[in-house]
Amino acid sequence: MKQICNFEQHDPPALNENMLRAELERRALKRQTTLAALAGILSQTAMLVLGILALPYMPVVSVFCFGYVTVTITGSAVLAILCTRKGGNDLWLLLQ
């Protein structure tokens, strides 16, 4: 069978336990970040639905719900812009 890749031409990358652990940690952090973002979206949706359902009976509560959703969406958008523009590394140093 003819080989399509020449594995003798280049040395394979040197892997050690620290590199594999770092990759595993990076994947776990990515999973946790995704779950946290999903939880935030679901809580925003729940608060918005609560505000809509409470509008006929408790308009003051609805105003607070809508205000909360507006403020948190704005804050999330600002953080998302900062993380994408600066790469996210500097932002985490500022928050700590």
Protein backbone atom coordinates (compact mmCIF):
# COMPACT_ATOMS: atom_id res chain seq x y z
CA MET A 1 0.00 0.00 0.00
CA LYS A 2 1.35 3.38 -1.01
CA GLN A 3 1.87 5.94 1.78
CA ILE A 4 0.38 9.37 1.15
CA CYS A 5 2.30 11.03 3.98
CA ASN A 6 6.01 10.77 4.62
CA PHE A 7 6.29 10.27 8.37
CA GLU A 8 10.05 10.02 8.19
CA GLN A 9 10.47 13.55 6.86
CA HIS A 10 9.54 15.45 10.05
CA ASP A 11 9.98 14.65 13.71
CA PRO A 12 6.76 14.32 15.66
CA PRO A 13 6.04 17.01 18.21
CA ALA A 14 7.51 16.33 21.62
CA LEU A 15 4.69 15.77 24.08
CA ASN A 16 5.08 15.53 27.78
CA GLU A 17 2.69 15.17 30.65
CA ASN A 18 2.55 18.91 31.33
CA MET A 19 1.52 19.69 27.76
CA LEU A 20 -1.21 17.05 27.86
CA ARG A 21 -2.49 18.33 31.21
CA ALA A 22 -2.52 21.91 29.91
CA GLU A 23 -4.57 20.83 26.89
CA LEU A 24 -6.98 18.94 29.14
CA GLU A 25 -7.32 22.00 31.38
CA ARG A 26 -7.91 24.25 28.37
CA ARG A 27 -10.71 21.98 27.13
CA ALA A 28 -12.31 21.85 30.58
CA LEU A 29 -12.17 25.66 30.84
CA LYS A 30 -13.77 25.99 27.41
CA ARG A 31 -16.56 23.62 28.47
CA GLN A 32 -17.12 25.52 31.73
CA THR A 33 -17.20 28.86 29.90
CA THR A 34 -19.77 27.54 27.45
CA LEU A 35 -21.96 26.22 30.27
CA ALA A 36 -21.70 29.53 32.16
CA ALA A 37 -22.72 31.47 29.03
CA LEU A 38 -25.65 29.14 28.46
CA ALA A 39 -26.75 29.53 32.10
CA GLY A 40 -26.61 33.31 31.71
CA ILE A 41 -28.73 33.23 28.58
CA LEU A 42 -31.28 30.96 30.23
CA SER A 43 -31.51 33.17 33.33
CA GLN A 44 -31.96 36.25 31.12
CA THR A 45 -34.75 34.48 29.23
CA ALA A 46 -36.45 33.41 32.46
CA MET A 47 -36.30 36.96 33.83
CA LEU A 48 -37.71 38.35 30.59
CA VAL A 49 -40.58 35.83 30.62
CA LEU A 50 -41.27 36.67 34.27
CA GLY A 51 -41.43 40.36 33.38
CA ILE A 52 -43.82 39.71 30.50
CA LEU A 53 -46.10 37.48 32.59
CA ALA A 54 -46.13 39.90 35.54
CA LEU A 55 -46.87 42.96 33.41
CA PRO A 56 -50.69 42.95 33.81
CA TYR A 57 -50.61 42.24 37.57
CA MET A 58 -47.43 43.87 38.88
CA PRO A 59 -46.08 46.54 36.52
CA VAL A 60 -43.39 47.65 38.99
CA VAL A 61 -41.92 44.15 39.12
CA SER A 62 -42.01 44.02 35.31
CA VAL A 63 -40.08 47.28 35.07
CA PHE A 64 -37.41 45.90 37.41
CA CYS A 65 -37.22 42.67 35.39
CA PHE A 66 -36.84 44.55 32.12
CA GLY A 67 -34.28 46.91 33.66
CA TYR A 68 -32.27 43.99 35.03
CA VAL A 69 -32.26 42.25 31.64
CA THR A 70 -31.22 45.47 29.89
CA VAL A 71 -28.36 46.17 32.29
CA THR A 72 -27.01 42.61 32.24
CA ILE A 73 -27.18 42.33 28.45
CA THR A 74 -25.31 45.63 28.14
CA GLY A 75 -22.66 44.50 30.62
CA SER A 76 -22.26 41.15 28.88
CA ALA A 77 -21.86 42.85 25.52
CA VAL A 78 -19.19 45.20 26.90
CA LEU A 79 -17.27 42.27 28.42
CA ALA A 80 -17.55 40.30 25.19
CA ILE A 81 -16.17 43.23 23.20
CA LEU A 82 -13.28 43.70 25.64
CA CYS A 83 -12.42 40.00 25.57
CA THR A 84 -12.41 39.81 21.78
CA ARG A 85 -10.50 43.06 21.21
CA LYS A 86 -7.82 42.56 23.86
CA GLY A 87 -7.58 38.82 23.57
CA GLY A 88 -9.07 38.25 27.01
CA ASN A 89 -5.76 37.77 28.82
CA ASP A 90 -5.41 41.37 30.02
CA LEU A 91 -9.04 41.50 31.09
CA TRP A 92 -8.66 38.54 33.45
CA LEU A 93 -5.67 40.20 35.06
CA LEU A 94 -7.72 43.35 35.67
CA LEU A 95 -10.62 41.42 37.20
CA GLN A 96 -8.47 39.48 39.65
